[in-house]
Amino acid sequence: MKNTPTTLILAIAFSSMSIAADMDEGKEMYEEDCTKCHDSSVFTRPAKERKVNNLEALKKQVHRCVAATGSSWFEEDEENVVAYLSETFYKFNKAE
C-alpha cells in the first residue's frame, strides 16, 4: 500500500488525537479509590487555601496520589479522574 500525502496526513492527524476522557469512569474510580483517603472537602475549600490551582497541578496531584497509594492505574485512568475532578469541583479550563 502506497503512502499518499493524504494518507500520511490522516495518519498523523489521527495518531496525535487523544481519546476523550471518560467522566463516568473517572467518577467511579474517584468514588472507589480516592474517597478511601479523603472526602470532597479537599476540592471545595476556598481557592486561596488549595494546593491545586490549575489543571497541570491537578494532573500532578492525581499522579502523586496514585503513586503514594500503589494503585495500578493506567495513564488513561488518571486522565479520567482528572477530567472528573476538574469538571465537578475545580472548573478548570481545559485549555490551561
N, C-alpha and C. Protein backbone atom coordinates (compact mmCIF):
# COMPACT_ATOMS: atom_id res chain seq x y z
N MET A 1 0.85 -1.19 0.00
CA MET A 1 0.00 0.00 0.00
C MET A 1 0.89 1.24 0.00
N LYS A 2 0.64 2.15 -0.89
CA LYS A 2 1.43 3.37 -1.01
C LYS A 2 0.97 4.40 0.01
N ASN A 3 1.93 5.16 0.51
CA ASN A 3 1.62 6.26 1.41
C ASN A 3 1.45 7.53 0.61
N THR A 4 0.26 7.82 0.23
CA THR A 4 -0.01 9.06 -0.48
C THR A 4 0.02 10.20 0.53
N PRO A 5 0.20 11.42 0.09
CA PRO A 5 0.20 12.56 1.02
C PRO A 5 -1.06 12.62 1.89
N THR A 6 -2.20 12.33 1.30
CA THR A 6 -3.45 12.36 2.07
C THR A 6 -3.45 11.30 3.15
N THR A 7 -3.01 10.10 2.82
CA THR A 7 -2.95 9.02 3.81
C THR A 7 -2.00 9.38 4.94
N LEU A 8 -0.87 9.96 4.58
CA LEU A 8 0.11 10.34 5.58
C LEU A 8 -0.43 11.43 6.50
N ILE A 9 -1.08 12.41 5.93
CA ILE A 9 -1.67 13.49 6.73
C ILE A 9 -2.73 12.93 7.68
N LEU A 10 -3.58 12.07 7.19
CA LEU A 10 -4.61 11.47 8.04
C LEU A 10 -4.00 10.63 9.15
N ALA A 11 -2.98 9.88 8.84
CA ALA A 11 -2.33 9.04 9.84
C ALA A 11 -1.73 9.90 10.94
N ILE A 12 -1.09 10.99 10.58
CA ILE A 12 -0.51 11.89 11.57
C ILE A 12 -1.61 12.53 12.41
N ALA A 13 -2.67 12.97 11.77
CA ALA A 13 -3.76 13.62 12.50
C ALA A 13 -4.39 12.68 13.51
N PHE A 14 -4.67 11.45 13.09
CA PHE A 14 -5.31 10.51 14.00
C PHE A 14 -4.37 10.03 15.09
N SER A 15 -3.09 9.92 14.81
CA SER A 15 -2.16 9.45 15.82
C SER A 15 -1.94 10.49 16.91
N SER A 16 -2.14 11.76 16.59
CA SER A 16 -1.92 12.80 17.58
C SER A 16 -3.17 13.16 18.35
N MET A 17 -4.30 12.60 17.97
CA MET A 17 -5.54 12.88 18.68
C MET A 17 -5.59 12.07 19.97
N SER A 18 -5.97 12.72 21.05
CA SER A 18 -6.10 11.98 22.29
C SER A 18 -7.55 11.55 22.46
N ILE A 19 -7.73 10.43 23.08
CA ILE A 19 -9.07 9.93 23.34
C ILE A 19 -9.68 10.75 24.46
N ALA A 20 -10.91 11.17 24.29
CA ALA A 20 -11.58 11.98 25.30
C ALA A 20 -11.71 11.21 26.59
N ALA A 21 -11.55 11.93 27.68
CA ALA A 21 -11.67 11.31 28.99
C ALA A 21 -13.08 10.80 29.22
N ASP A 22 -13.18 9.74 29.96
CA ASP A 22 -14.46 9.12 30.30
C ASP A 22 -14.86 9.59 31.69
N MET A 23 -15.75 10.57 31.73
CA MET A 23 -16.16 11.17 33.00
C MET A 23 -16.82 10.16 33.94
N ASP A 24 -17.63 9.27 33.40
CA ASP A 24 -18.29 8.28 34.24
C ASP A 24 -17.27 7.34 34.89
N GLU A 25 -16.28 6.94 34.10
CA GLU A 25 -15.22 6.08 34.62
C GLU A 25 -14.41 6.84 35.68
N GLY A 26 -14.13 8.12 35.42
CA GLY A 26 -13.41 8.94 36.39
C GLY A 26 -14.15 9.07 37.70
N LYS A 27 -15.45 9.27 37.62
CA LYS A 27 -16.27 9.38 38.83
C LYS A 27 -16.25 8.07 39.60
N GLU A 28 -16.39 6.96 38.89
CA GLU A 28 -16.39 5.65 39.54
C GLU A 28 -15.05 5.39 40.24
N MET A 29 -13.96 5.70 39.57
CA MET A 29 -12.64 5.48 40.16
C MET A 29 -12.43 6.39 41.36
N TYR A 30 -12.87 7.64 41.24
CA TYR A 30 -12.78 8.58 42.36
C TYR A 30 -13.54 8.02 43.57
N GLU A 31 -14.77 7.59 43.34
CA GLU A 31 -15.60 7.09 44.44
C GLU A 31 -15.03 5.81 45.05
N GLU A 32 -14.43 4.95 44.24
CA GLU A 32 -13.88 3.69 44.73
C GLU A 32 -12.53 3.85 45.40
N ASP A 33 -11.68 4.73 44.88
CA ASP A 33 -10.31 4.79 45.36
C ASP A 33 -9.98 6.08 46.13
N CYS A 34 -10.30 7.21 45.58
CA CYS A 34 -9.89 8.48 46.19
C CYS A 34 -10.55 8.73 47.55
N THR A 35 -11.80 8.33 47.68
CA THR A 35 -12.52 8.59 48.93
C THR A 35 -12.06 7.70 50.07
N LYS A 36 -11.16 6.76 49.80
CA LYS A 36 -10.58 5.96 50.88
C LYS A 36 -9.67 6.82 51.75
N CYS A 37 -9.08 7.86 51.15
CA CYS A 37 -8.15 8.73 51.88
C CYS A 37 -8.75 10.07 52.27
N HIS A 38 -9.64 10.59 51.47
CA HIS A 38 -10.21 11.91 51.77
C HIS A 38 -11.57 12.06 51.13
N ASP A 39 -12.31 13.05 51.65
CA ASP A 39 -13.63 13.35 51.08
C ASP A 39 -13.52 14.56 50.16
N SER A 40 -14.61 15.04 49.69
CA SER A 40 -14.60 16.12 48.70
C SER A 40 -14.21 17.47 49.30
N SER A 41 -14.05 17.57 50.60
CA SER A 41 -13.69 18.87 51.20
C SER A 41 -12.34 19.38 50.70
N VAL A 42 -11.44 18.50 50.27
CA VAL A 42 -10.16 18.96 49.75
C VAL A 42 -10.33 19.70 48.42
N PHE A 43 -11.43 19.47 47.74
CA PHE A 43 -11.68 20.11 46.46
C PHE A 43 -12.57 21.34 46.60
N THR A 44 -13.30 21.44 47.69
CA THR A 44 -14.29 22.51 47.84
C THR A 44 -13.84 23.62 48.77
N ARG A 45 -12.64 23.52 49.34
CA ARG A 45 -12.15 24.61 50.20
C ARG A 45 -11.89 25.84 49.33
N PRO A 46 -11.82 27.01 49.95
CA PRO A 46 -11.60 28.24 49.18
C PRO A 46 -10.33 28.15 48.32
N ALA A 47 -10.37 28.77 47.16
CA ALA A 47 -9.26 28.69 46.20
C ALA A 47 -7.93 29.09 46.82
N LYS A 48 -7.92 30.09 47.69
CA LYS A 48 -6.66 30.56 48.28
C LYS A 48 -6.05 29.52 49.22
N GLU A 49 -6.84 28.55 49.67
CA GLU A 49 -6.35 27.51 50.57
C GLU A 49 -6.01 26.21 49.83
N ARG A 50 -6.25 26.16 48.55
CA ARG A 50 -6.00 24.95 47.77
C ARG A 50 -4.52 24.82 47.40
N LYS A 51 -4.07 23.58 47.32
CA LYS A 51 -2.72 23.29 46.82
C LYS A 51 -2.76 23.19 45.30
N VAL A 52 -3.94 22.90 44.75
CA VAL A 52 -4.12 22.72 43.32
C VAL A 52 -4.90 23.92 42.78
N ASN A 53 -4.24 24.67 41.88
CA ASN A 53 -4.88 25.87 41.35
C ASN A 53 -4.96 25.93 39.83
N ASN A 54 -4.55 24.85 39.18
CA ASN A 54 -4.66 24.80 37.72
C ASN A 54 -4.68 23.34 37.28
N LEU A 55 -4.97 23.14 36.03
CA LEU A 55 -5.14 21.79 35.51
C LEU A 55 -3.85 20.98 35.59
N GLU A 56 -2.72 21.59 35.31
CA GLU A 56 -1.44 20.88 35.37
C GLU A 56 -1.14 20.43 36.79
N ALA A 57 -1.42 21.29 37.77
CA ALA A 57 -1.21 20.92 39.17
C ALA A 57 -2.13 19.78 39.58
N LEU A 58 -3.35 19.77 39.05
CA LEU A 58 -4.29 18.69 39.34
C LEU A 58 -3.77 17.37 38.78
N LYS A 59 -3.26 17.40 37.56
CA LYS A 59 -2.70 16.18 36.96
C LYS A 59 -1.56 15.63 37.82
N LYS A 60 -0.69 16.52 38.27
CA LYS A 60 0.46 16.10 39.10
C LYS A 60 -0.02 15.55 40.43
N GLN A 61 -1.02 16.17 41.04
CA GLN A 61 -1.51 15.70 42.33
C GLN A 61 -2.17 14.34 42.21
N VAL A 62 -2.96 14.14 41.18
CA VAL A 62 -3.59 12.83 40.98
C VAL A 62 -2.50 11.77 40.78
N HIS A 63 -1.48 12.11 40.01
CA HIS A 63 -0.38 11.16 39.78
C HIS A 63 0.34 10.85 41.10
N ARG A 64 0.56 11.86 41.94
CA ARG A 64 1.20 11.63 43.25
C ARG A 64 0.35 10.72 44.12
N CYS A 65 -0.95 10.94 44.11
CA CYS A 65 -1.85 10.10 44.91
C CYS A 65 -1.81 8.65 44.44
N VAL A 66 -1.82 8.47 43.14
CA VAL A 66 -1.77 7.11 42.57
C VAL A 66 -0.48 6.43 43.00
N ALA A 67 0.63 7.14 42.90
CA ALA A 67 1.92 6.57 43.28
C ALA A 67 1.98 6.28 44.78
N ALA A 68 1.46 7.19 45.59
CA ALA A 68 1.51 7.03 47.04
C ALA A 68 0.67 5.86 47.54
N THR A 69 -0.41 5.59 46.85
CA THR A 69 -1.30 4.51 47.28
C THR A 69 -0.94 3.17 46.64
N GLY A 70 -0.04 3.22 45.68
CA GLY A 70 0.34 1.98 44.99
C GLY A 70 -0.74 1.45 44.07
N SER A 71 -1.64 2.33 43.67
CA SER A 71 -2.71 1.92 42.76
C SER A 71 -2.12 1.52 41.41
N SER A 72 -2.79 0.62 40.76
CA SER A 72 -2.31 0.16 39.45
C SER A 72 -3.12 0.79 38.33
N TRP A 73 -3.24 2.11 38.38
CA TRP A 73 -3.98 2.84 37.36
C TRP A 73 -3.12 3.01 36.12
N PHE A 74 -3.77 3.05 34.98
CA PHE A 74 -3.12 3.39 33.73
C PHE A 74 -3.19 4.90 33.55
N GLU A 75 -2.43 5.43 32.63
CA GLU A 75 -2.45 6.87 32.35
C GLU A 75 -3.88 7.32 32.00
N GLU A 76 -4.58 6.49 31.27
CA GLU A 76 -5.97 6.79 30.89
C GLU A 76 -6.86 6.93 32.14
N ASP A 77 -6.62 6.09 33.14
CA ASP A 77 -7.40 6.17 34.39
C ASP A 77 -7.16 7.50 35.08
N GLU A 78 -5.89 7.91 35.14
CA GLU A 78 -5.57 9.20 35.75
C GLU A 78 -6.25 10.33 34.99
N GLU A 79 -6.22 10.28 33.67
CA GLU A 79 -6.86 11.30 32.85
C GLU A 79 -8.37 11.36 33.12
N ASN A 80 -8.99 10.21 33.29
CA ASN A 80 -10.42 10.17 33.57
C ASN A 80 -10.74 10.82 34.91
N VAL A 81 -9.94 10.53 35.92
CA VAL A 81 -10.17 11.11 37.25
C VAL A 81 -9.88 12.60 37.22
N VAL A 82 -8.83 13.01 36.55
CA VAL A 82 -8.52 14.44 36.43
C VAL A 82 -9.69 15.16 35.76
N ALA A 83 -10.20 14.61 34.69
CA ALA A 83 -11.32 15.23 33.98
C ALA A 83 -12.54 15.33 34.89
N TYR A 84 -12.82 14.27 35.62
CA TYR A 84 -13.97 14.27 36.54
C TYR A 84 -13.79 15.34 37.62
N LEU A 85 -12.62 15.37 38.25
CA LEU A 85 -12.38 16.35 39.32
C LEU A 85 -12.41 17.78 38.79
N SER A 86 -11.81 17.98 37.63
CA SER A 86 -11.80 19.31 37.05
C SER A 86 -13.21 19.79 36.73
N GLU A 87 -13.97 18.94 36.11
CA GLU A 87 -15.34 19.31 35.71
C GLU A 87 -16.26 19.46 36.92
N THR A 88 -16.12 18.58 37.89
CA THR A 88 -17.03 18.55 39.03
C THR A 88 -16.70 19.57 40.11
N PHE A 89 -15.43 19.71 40.43
CA PHE A 89 -15.04 20.54 41.56
C PHE A 89 -14.27 21.81 41.17
N TYR A 90 -13.25 21.68 40.37
CA TYR A 90 -12.35 22.80 40.11
C TYR A 90 -12.80 23.74 39.01
N LYS A 91 -13.48 23.23 38.01
CA LYS A 91 -13.95 24.01 36.87
C LYS A 91 -12.78 24.65 36.11
N PHE A 92 -11.67 23.91 35.99
CA PHE A 92 -10.53 24.39 35.22
C PHE A 92 -10.87 24.38 33.73
N ASN A 93 -10.36 25.36 33.05
CA ASN A 93 -10.48 25.43 31.60
C ASN A 93 -9.54 24.41 31.00
N LYS A 94 -9.99 23.56 30.13
CA LYS A 94 -9.17 22.51 29.55
C LYS A 94 -8.01 23.07 28.73
N ALA A 95 -8.06 24.30 28.35
CA ALA A 95 -7.00 24.89 27.55
C ALA A 95 -5.84 25.38 28.40
N GLU A 96 -5.96 25.33 29.73
CA GLU A 96 -4.88 25.81 30.60
C GLU A 96 -3.63 25.00 30.41
